[in-house]
PDB file of N, CA and C in Angstrom:
ATOM      1  N   UNK A   1     121.719 146.915  96.483  1.00  0.00           N
ATOM      2  CA  UNK A   1     122.450 148.215  96.615  1.00  0.00           C
ATOM      3  C   UNK A   1     122.162 149.353  97.179  1.00  0.00           C
ATOM      4  N   UNK A   2     123.047 149.981  97.796  1.00  0.00           N
ATOM      5  CA  UNK A   2     122.804 151.226  98.559  1.00  0.00           C
ATOM      6  C   UNK A   2     123.566 152.181  98.469  1.00  0.00           C
ATOM      7  N   UNK A   3     123.256 153.394  98.608  1.00  0.00           N
ATOM      8  CA  UNK A   3     123.966 154.391  98.724  1.00  0.00           C
ATOM      9  C   UNK A   3     124.794 154.352 100.116  1.00  0.00           C
ATOM     10  N   UNK A   4     125.891 154.798 100.216  1.00  0.00           N
ATOM     11  CA  UNK A   4     126.606 155.304 101.303  1.00  0.00           C
ATOM     12  C   UNK A   4     125.762 155.581 102.977  1.00  0.00           C
ATOM     13  N   UNK A   5     124.980 156.382 102.253  1.00  0.00           N
ATOM     14  CA  UNK A   5     124.311 157.197 103.430  1.00  0.00           C
ATOM     15  C   UNK A   5     123.744 155.620 103.852  1.00  0.00           C
ATOM     16  N   UNK A   6     122.513 155.375 102.949  1.00  0.00           N
ATOM     17  CA  UNK A   6     121.587 154.296 103.224  1.00  0.00           C
ATOM     18  C   UNK A   6     122.115 153.432 103.887  1.00  0.00           C
ATOM     19  N   UNK A   7     123.444 152.618 103.399  1.00  0.00           N
ATOM     20  CA  UNK A   7     124.493 151.391 104.170  1.00  0.00           C
ATOM     21  C   UNK A   7     124.662 152.009 105.495  1.00  0.00           C
ATOM     22  N   UNK A   8     125.039 153.265 105.747  1.00  0.00           N
ATOM     23  CA  UNK A   8     125.471 153.538 107.074  1.00  0.00           C
ATOM     24  C   UNK A   8     123.969 153.420 107.841  1.00  0.00           C
ATOM     25  N   UNK A   9     122.783 153.961 107.443  1.00  0.00           N
ATOM     26  CA  UNK A   9     121.372 153.919 108.337  1.00  0.00           C
ATOM     27  C   UNK A   9     121.348 152.626 108.800  1.00  0.00           C
ATOM     28  N   UNK A  10     121.534 151.834 107.623  1.00  0.00           N
ATOM     29  CA  UNK A  10     121.343 150.520 107.864  1.00  0.00           C
ATOM     30  C   UNK A  10     122.188 149.607 109.022  1.00  0.00           C
ATOM     31  N   UNK A  11     123.292 149.922 108.459  1.00  0.00           N
ATOM     32  CA  UNK A  11     124.079 149.853 109.375  1.00  0.00           C
ATOM     33  C   UNK A  11     123.976 149.727 110.750  1.00  0.00           C
ATOM     34  N   UNK A  12     123.913 150.757 111.369  1.00  0.00           N
ATOM     35  CA  UNK A  12     123.344 151.532 112.480  1.00  0.00           C
ATOM     36  C   UNK A  12     122.459 150.488 113.208  1.00  0.00           C
ATOM     37  N   UNK A  13     121.128 150.779 112.090  1.00  0.00           N
ATOM     38  CA  UNK A  13     119.981 150.106 112.667  1.00  0.00           C
ATOM     39  C   UNK A  13     120.013 148.368 112.936  1.00  0.00           C
ATOM     40  N   UNK A  14     120.735 147.729 112.134  1.00  0.00           N
ATOM     41  CA  UNK A  14     120.819 146.236 112.166  1.00  0.00           C
ATOM     42  C   UNK A  14     121.944 145.457 113.220  1.00  0.00           C
ATOM     43  N   UNK A  15     123.049 146.807 113.565  1.00  0.00           N
ATOM     44  CA  UNK A  15     124.234 146.162 114.205  1.00  0.00           C
ATOM     45  C   UNK A  15     123.878 145.657 115.592  1.00  0.00           C
ATOM     46  N   UNK A  16     123.256 146.221 116.324  1.00  0.00           N
ATOM     47  CA  UNK A  16     123.036 145.849 118.217  1.00  0.00           C
ATOM     48  C   UNK A  16     121.937 144.780 117.691  1.00  0.00           C
ATOM     49  N   UNK A  17     121.230 144.740 116.808  1.00  0.00           N
ATOM     50  CA  UNK A  17     120.294 143.810 116.511  1.00  0.00           C
ATOM     51  C   UNK A  17     120.505 142.026 116.636  1.00  0.00           C
ATOM     52  N   UNK A  18     121.421 142.323 115.461  1.00  0.00           N
ATOM     53  CA  UNK A  18     121.940 140.824 114.597  1.00  0.00           C
ATOM     54  C   UNK A  18     123.039 140.321 115.105  1.00  0.00           C
ATOM     55  N   UNK A  19     124.020 141.030 115.711  1.00  0.00           N
ATOM     56  CA  UNK A  19     125.541 140.762 116.152  1.00  0.00           C
ATOM     57  C   UNK A  19     125.106 139.784 117.498  1.00  0.00           C
ATOM     58  N   UNK A  20     125.527 138.442 117.295  1.00  0.00           N
ATOM     59  CA  UNK A  20     125.376 137.611 118.198  1.00  0.00           C
ATOM     60  C   UNK A  20     124.315 136.642 117.900  1.00  0.00           C
ATOM     61  N   UNK A  21     123.637 136.654 117.133  1.00  0.00           N
ATOM     62  CA  UNK A  21     122.653 135.655 116.506  1.00  0.00           C
ATOM     63  C   UNK A  21     123.139 134.678 115.421  1.00  0.00           C
ATOM     64  N   UNK A  22     122.516 133.894 115.373  1.00  0.00           N
ATOM     65  CA  UNK A  22     122.933 132.607 114.518  1.00  0.00           C
ATOM     66  C   UNK A  22     123.232 133.120 113.107  1.00  0.00           C
ATOM     67  N   UNK A  23     124.159 132.806 112.306  1.00  0.00           N
ATOM     68  CA  UNK A  23     123.684 132.877 110.599  1.00  0.00           C
ATOM     69  C   UNK A  23     123.078 132.130 110.240  1.00  0.00           C
ATOM     70  N   UNK A  24     122.779 131.236 110.711  1.00  0.00           N
ATOM     71  CA  UNK A  24     121.651 130.447 110.054  1.00  0.00           C
ATOM     72  C   UNK A  24     120.792 130.035 110.734  1.00  0.00           C
ATOM     73  N   UNK A  25     119.868 130.490 111.086  1.00  0.00           N
ATOM     74  CA  UNK A  25     118.839 130.321 112.033  1.00  0.00           C
ATOM     75  C   UNK A  25     118.502 128.524 112.004  1.00  0.00           C
ATOM     76  N   UNK A  26     118.045 128.120 110.559  1.00  0.00           N
ATOM     77  CA  UNK A  26     117.525 126.645 110.959  1.00  0.00           C
ATOM     78  C   UNK A  26     118.740 125.648 111.117  1.00  0.00           C
ATOM     79  N   UNK A  27     119.721 126.145 111.040  1.00  0.00           N
ATOM     80  CA  UNK A  27     120.626 124.705 111.378  1.00  0.00           C
ATOM     81  C   UNK A  27     121.218 124.863 112.640  1.00  0.00           C
ATOM     82  N   UNK A  28     121.607 123.646 113.333  1.00  0.00           N
ATOM     83  CA  UNK A  28     121.740 122.988 114.724  1.00  0.00           C
ATOM     84  C   UNK A  28     122.936 123.860 115.189  1.00  0.00           C
ATOM     85  N   UNK A  29     123.950 124.193 114.671  1.00  0.00           N
ATOM     86  CA  UNK A  29     125.189 124.471 115.152  1.00  0.00           C
ATOM     87  C   UNK A  29     125.542 125.433 114.579  1.00  0.00           C
ATOM     88  N   UNK A  30     125.034 126.420 114.271  1.00  0.00           N
ATOM     89  CA  UNK A  30     125.001 127.900 113.394  1.00  0.00           C
ATOM     90  C   UNK A  30     126.120 128.818 114.383  1.00  0.00           C
ATOM     91  N   UNK A  31     127.224 129.158 113.682  1.00  0.00           N
ATOM     92  CA  UNK A  31     127.774 130.059 114.282  1.00  0.00           C
ATOM     93  C   UNK A  31     127.522 131.545 114.907  1.00  0.00           C
ATOM     94  N   UNK A  32     127.593 132.084 115.410  1.00  0.00           N
ATOM     95  CA  UNK A  32     126.676 133.453 115.602  1.00  0.00           C
ATOM     96  C   UNK A  32     127.671 134.832 114.778  1.00  0.00           C
ATOM     97  N   UNK A  33     126.735 135.966 114.589  1.00  0.00           N
ATOM     98  CA  UNK A  33     126.997 136.764 113.693  1.00  0.00           C
ATOM     99  C   UNK A  33     128.139 137.620 114.578  1.00  0.00           C
ATOM    100  N   UNK A  34     129.029 138.060 113.968  1.00  0.00           N
ATOM    101  CA  UNK A  34     129.946 138.582 114.952  1.00  0.00           C
ATOM    102  C   UNK A  34     130.795 140.266 114.554  1.00  0.00           C
ATOM    103  N   UNK A  35     130.218 140.465 113.556  1.00  0.00           N
ATOM    104  CA  UNK A  35     130.300 141.701 112.996  1.00  0.00           C
ATOM    105  C   UNK A  35     129.364 142.097 111.445  1.00  0.00           C
ATOM    106  N   UNK A  36     128.742 143.419 111.284  1.00  0.00           N
ATOM    107  CA  UNK A  36     128.308 143.454 110.419  1.00  0.00           C
ATOM    108  C   UNK A  36     128.890 145.082 109.810  1.00  0.00           C
ATOM    109  N   UNK A  37     129.420 144.936 108.471  1.00  0.00           N
ATOM    110  CA  UNK A  37     130.370 146.046 108.164  1.00  0.00           C
ATOM    111  C   UNK A  37     129.496 146.209 106.591  1.00  0.00           C
ATOM    112  N   UNK A  38     129.930 147.411 106.613  1.00  0.00           N
ATOM    113  CA  UNK A  38     129.902 147.968 105.096  1.00  0.00           C
ATOM    114  C   UNK A  38     130.918 147.774 103.891  1.00  0.00           C
ATOM    115  N   UNK A  39     130.210 147.378 102.762  1.00  0.00           N
ATOM    116  CA  UNK A  39     131.377 146.740 101.484  1.00  0.00           C
ATOM    117  C   UNK A  39     130.759 147.744 100.350  1.00  0.00           C
ATOM    118  N   UNK A  40     131.870 148.156 100.045  1.00  0.00           N
ATOM    119  CA  UNK A  40     131.787 148.652  98.405  1.00  0.00           C
ATOM    120  C   UNK A  40     131.701 148.106  97.664  1.00  0.00           C
ATOM    121  N   UNK A  41     130.552 147.588  96.788  1.00  0.00           N
ATOM    122  CA  UNK A  41     130.758 146.230  95.964  1.00  0.00           C
ATOM    123  C   UNK A  41     130.903 147.046  94.606  1.00  0.00           C
ATOM    124  N   UNK A  42     130.677 148.500  94.149  1.00  0.00           N
ATOM    125  CA  UNK A  42     131.010 149.134  93.204  1.00  0.00           C
ATOM    126  C   UNK A  42     131.038 150.245  93.399  1.00  0.00           C
ATOM    127  N   UNK A  43     131.660 151.240  92.177  1.00  0.00           N
ATOM    128  CA  UNK A  43     131.753 152.803  92.649  1.00  0.00           C
ATOM    129  C   UNK A  43     130.315 153.512  93.089  1.00  0.00           C
ATOM    130  N   UNK A  44     130.417 153.733  94.490  1.00  0.00           N
ATOM    131  CA  UNK A  44     129.512 154.672  94.841  1.00  0.00           C
ATOM    132  C   UNK A  44     128.056 153.502  95.059  1.00  0.00           C
ATOM    133  N   UNK A  45     128.552 152.255  95.196  1.00  0.00           N
ATOM    134  CA  UNK A  45     127.115 151.312  95.499  1.00  0.00           C
ATOM    135  C   UNK A  45     127.616 150.567  96.852  1.00  0.00           C
ATOM    136  N   UNK A  46     127.104 150.530  97.845  1.00  0.00           N
ATOM    137  CA  UNK A  46     127.246 150.015  98.958  1.00  0.00           C
ATOM    138  C   UNK A  46     126.271 148.383  99.529  1.00  0.00           C
ATOM    139  N   UNK A  47     126.734 147.570  99.996  1.00  0.00           N
ATOM    140  CA  UNK A  47     126.121 146.191 100.685  1.00  0.00           C
ATOM    141  C   UNK A  47     126.337 146.438 102.291  1.00  0.00           C
ATOM    142  N   UNK A  48     125.601 145.771 102.975  1.00  0.00           N
ATOM    143  CA  UNK A  48     125.820 145.395 104.381  1.00  0.00           C
ATOM    144  C   UNK A  48     125.896 143.803 104.574  1.00  0.00           C
ATOM    145  N   UNK A  49     127.102 143.701 104.737  1.00  0.00           N
ATOM    146  CA  UNK A  49     127.209 141.962 104.976  1.00  0.00           C
ATOM    147  C   UNK A  49     127.931 141.594 106.648  1.00  0.00           C
ATOM    148  N   UNK A  50     127.155 140.660 106.755  1.00  0.00           N
ATOM    149  CA  UNK A  50     126.985 140.147 108.171  1.00  0.00           C
ATOM    150  C   UNK A  50     127.989 138.952 108.157  1.00  0.00           C
ATOM    151  N   UNK A  51     129.291 138.753 109.037  1.00  0.00           N
ATOM    152  CA  UNK A  51     130.327 138.240 109.376  1.00  0.00           C
ATOM    153  C   UNK A  51     130.388 137.148 110.323  1.00  0.00           C
ATOM    154  N   UNK A  52     130.753 135.868 110.547  1.00  0.00           N
ATOM    155  CA  UNK A  52     130.891 135.234 111.212  1.00  0.00           C
ATOM    156  C   UNK A  52     131.812 134.633 111.416  1.00  0.00           C
ATOM    157  N   UNK A  53     132.740 133.394 112.422  1.00  0.00           N
ATOM    158  CA  UNK A  53     133.582 132.788 111.990  1.00  0.00           C
ATOM    159  C   UNK A  53     133.307 131.670 113.289  1.00  0.00           C
ATOM    160  N   UNK A  54     133.674 130.302 112.566  1.00  0.00           N
ATOM    161  CA  UNK A  54     133.167 129.284 113.112  1.00  0.00           C
ATOM    162  C   UNK A  54     134.616 129.090 114.065  1.00  0.00           C
ATOM    163  N   UNK A  55     134.333 128.029 114.737  1.00  0.00           N
ATOM    164  CA  UNK A  55     135.440 127.554 115.856  1.00  0.00           C
ATOM    165  C   UNK A  55     136.761 127.322 115.129  1.00  0.00           C
ATOM    166  N   UNK A  56     136.934 126.503 113.758  1.00  0.00           N
ATOM    167  CA  UNK A  56     137.587 126.086 113.085  1.00  0.00           C
ATOM    168  C   UNK A  56     138.617 127.512 112.528  1.00  0.00           C
ATOM    169  N   UNK A  57     137.863 128.288 112.547  1.00  0.00           N
ATOM    170  CA  UNK A  57     138.437 129.564 112.219  1.00  0.00           C
ATOM    171  C   UNK A  57     137.951 129.872 110.623  1.00  0.00           C
ATOM    172  N   UNK A  58     137.130 129.310 110.175  1.00  0.00           N
ATOM    173  CA  UNK A  58     136.442 129.158 108.902  1.00  0.00           C
ATOM    174  C   UNK A  58     135.360 130.489 108.373  1.00  0.00           C
ATOM    175  N   UNK A  59     135.580 131.578 107.915  1.00  0.00           N
ATOM    176  CA  UNK A  59     134.645 132.518 108.316  1.00  0.00           C
ATOM    177  C   UNK A  59     132.857 132.223 107.377  1.00  0.00           C
ATOM    178  N   UNK A  60     132.165 132.886 107.536  1.00  0.00           N
ATOM    179  CA  UNK A  60     130.783 132.671 106.551  1.00  0.00           C
ATOM    180  C   UNK A  60     130.599 134.179 106.630  1.00  0.00           C
ATOM    181  N   UNK A  61     129.623 134.494 105.549  1.00  0.00           N
ATOM    182  CA  UNK A  61     128.839 135.748 105.476  1.00  0.00           C
ATOM    183  C   UNK A  61     127.865 135.587 104.624  1.00  0.00           C
ATOM    184  N   UNK A  62     126.710 136.525 104.809  1.00  0.00           N
ATOM    185  CA  UNK A  62     125.709 136.660 104.436  1.00  0.00           C
ATOM    186  C   UNK A  62     125.152 138.294 104.233  1.00  0.00           C
ATOM    187  N   UNK A  63     124.509 138.936 103.111  1.00  0.00           N
ATOM    188  CA  UNK A  63     123.959 140.249 102.994  1.00  0.00           C
ATOM    189  C   UNK A  63     123.246 140.367 103.861  1.00  0.00           C
ATOM    190  N   UNK A  64     122.781 141.536 104.257  1.00  0.00           N
ATOM    191  CA  UNK A  64     121.532 141.750 105.550  1.00  0.00           C
ATOM    192  C   UNK A  64     120.574 141.639 104.895  1.00  0.00           C
ATOM    193  N   UNK A  65     120.009 141.398 103.620  1.00  0.00           N
ATOM    194  CA  UNK A  65     119.006 140.794 103.120  1.00  0.00           C
ATOM    195  C   UNK A  65     118.397 139.613 103.558  1.00  0.00           C
ATOM    196  N   UNK A  66     119.466 138.776 103.014  1.00  0.00           N
ATOM    197  CA  UNK A  66     119.027 137.489 103.685  1.00  0.00           C
ATOM    198  C   UNK A  66     118.983 136.892 105.062  1.00  0.00           C
ATOM    199  N   UNK A  67     120.055 137.721 105.654  1.00  0.00           N
ATOM    200  CA  UNK A  67     120.190 137.707 107.227  1.00  0.00           C
ATOM    201  C   UNK A  67     118.918 137.995 107.782  1.00  0.00           C
ATOM    202  N   UNK A  68     118.438 139.430 107.505  1.00  0.00           N
ATOM    203  CA  UNK A  68     117.250 139.830 108.443  1.00  0.00           C
ATOM    204  C   UNK A  68     116.430 139.115 107.742  1.00  0.00           C
ATOM    205  N   UNK A  69     115.482 138.629 106.700  1.00  0.00           N
ATOM    206  CA  UNK A  69     114.807 138.007 106.205  1.00  0.00           C
ATOM    207  C   UNK A  69     114.658 136.346 107.255  1.00  0.00           C
ATOM    208  N   UNK A  70     116.072 135.858 107.123  1.00  0.00           N
ATOM    209  CA  UNK A  70     115.739 134.491 108.038  1.00  0.00           C
ATOM    210  C   UNK A  70     115.597 134.894 109.311  1.00  0.00           C
ATOM    211  N   UNK A  71     116.128 135.666 109.911  1.00  0.00           N
ATOM    212  CA  UNK A  71     115.992 136.069 111.421  1.00  0.00           C
ATOM    213  C   UNK A  71     114.751 136.703 111.684  1.00  0.00           C
ATOM    214  N   UNK A  72     113.757 137.204 110.763  1.00  0.00           N
ATOM    215  CA  UNK A  72     112.331 137.314 111.100  1.00  0.00           C
ATOM    216  C   UNK A  72     112.409 138.654 111.362  1.00  0.00           C
ATOM    217  N   UNK A  73     113.622 139.904 110.951  1.00  0.00           N
ATOM    218  CA  UNK A  73     113.423 141.257 111.341  1.00  0.00           C
ATOM    219  C   UNK A  73     113.043 141.593 109.693  1.00  0.00           C
ATOM    220  N   UNK A  74     112.978 143.257 109.872  1.00  0.00           N
ATOM    221  CA  UNK A  74     112.021 143.919 109.333  1.00  0.00           C
ATOM    222  C   UNK A  74     113.268 144.003 107.687  1.00  0.00           C
ATOM    223  N   UNK A  75     113.205 143.913 106.699  1.00  0.00           N
ATOM    224  CA  UNK A  75     113.307 144.062 105.534  1.00  0.00           C
ATOM    225  C   UNK A  75     114.298 145.352 105.759  1.00  0.00           C
ATOM    226  N   UNK A  76     115.914 145.596 105.050  1.00  0.00           N
ATOM    227  CA  UNK A  76     116.368 146.771 104.596  1.00  0.00           C
ATOM    228  C   UNK A  76     115.467 147.836 103.876  1.00  0.00           C
ATOM    229  N   UNK A  77     114.451 147.597 102.822  1.00  0.00           N
ATOM    230  CA  UNK A  77     113.768 148.435 102.045  1.00  0.00           C
ATOM    231  C   UNK A  77     112.568 149.048 103.394  1.00  0.00           C
ATOM    232  N   UNK A  78     112.362 148.190 104.304  1.00  0.00           N
ATOM    233  CA  UNK A  78     111.287 148.965 104.773  1.00  0.00           C
ATOM    234  C   UNK A  78     111.758 149.886 105.957  1.00  0.00           C
ATOM    235  N   UNK A  79     112.749 149.627 106.218  1.00  0.00           N
ATOM    236  CA  UNK A  79     113.637 150.678 107.279  1.00  0.00           C
ATOM    237  C   UNK A  79     113.898 151.464 106.672  1.00  0.00           C
ATOM    238  N   UNK A  80     114.110 151.747 105.551  1.00  0.00           N
ATOM    239  CA  UNK A  80     114.863 152.944 104.827  1.00  0.00           C
ATOM    240  C   UNK A  80     113.414 153.829 104.418  1.00  0.00           C
ATOM    241  N   UNK A  81     112.389 152.946 104.366  1.00  0.00           N
ATOM    242  CA  UNK A  81     110.961 153.540 103.974  1.00  0.00           C
ATOM    243  C   UNK A  81     110.472 154.245 105.324  1.00  0.00           C
ATOM    244  N   UNK A  82     110.983 154.105 106.398  1.00  0.00           N
ATOM    245  CA  UNK A  82     110.848 154.714 107.588  1.00  0.00           C
ATOM    246  C   UNK A  82     109.664 154.349 108.056  1.00  0.00           C
TER     247      UNK A  82
END
């Protein structure tokens, strides 16, 4: 989990990079990520969630840690460390 400020920083970093990428890189027909949003998980604890929709209208989501790892992007902790 992240503070609100950290979540905003991560959302800015990943949004342009991750939107349009497959939510599951190793699946043949994986839907693309259409949104990256900050979600408040509990009081003053936030997470970044990647959302997508398939052609059937079914929504999928992943947290930014697992999405970044699968797509070969730097981990959120590395981004926050500078």
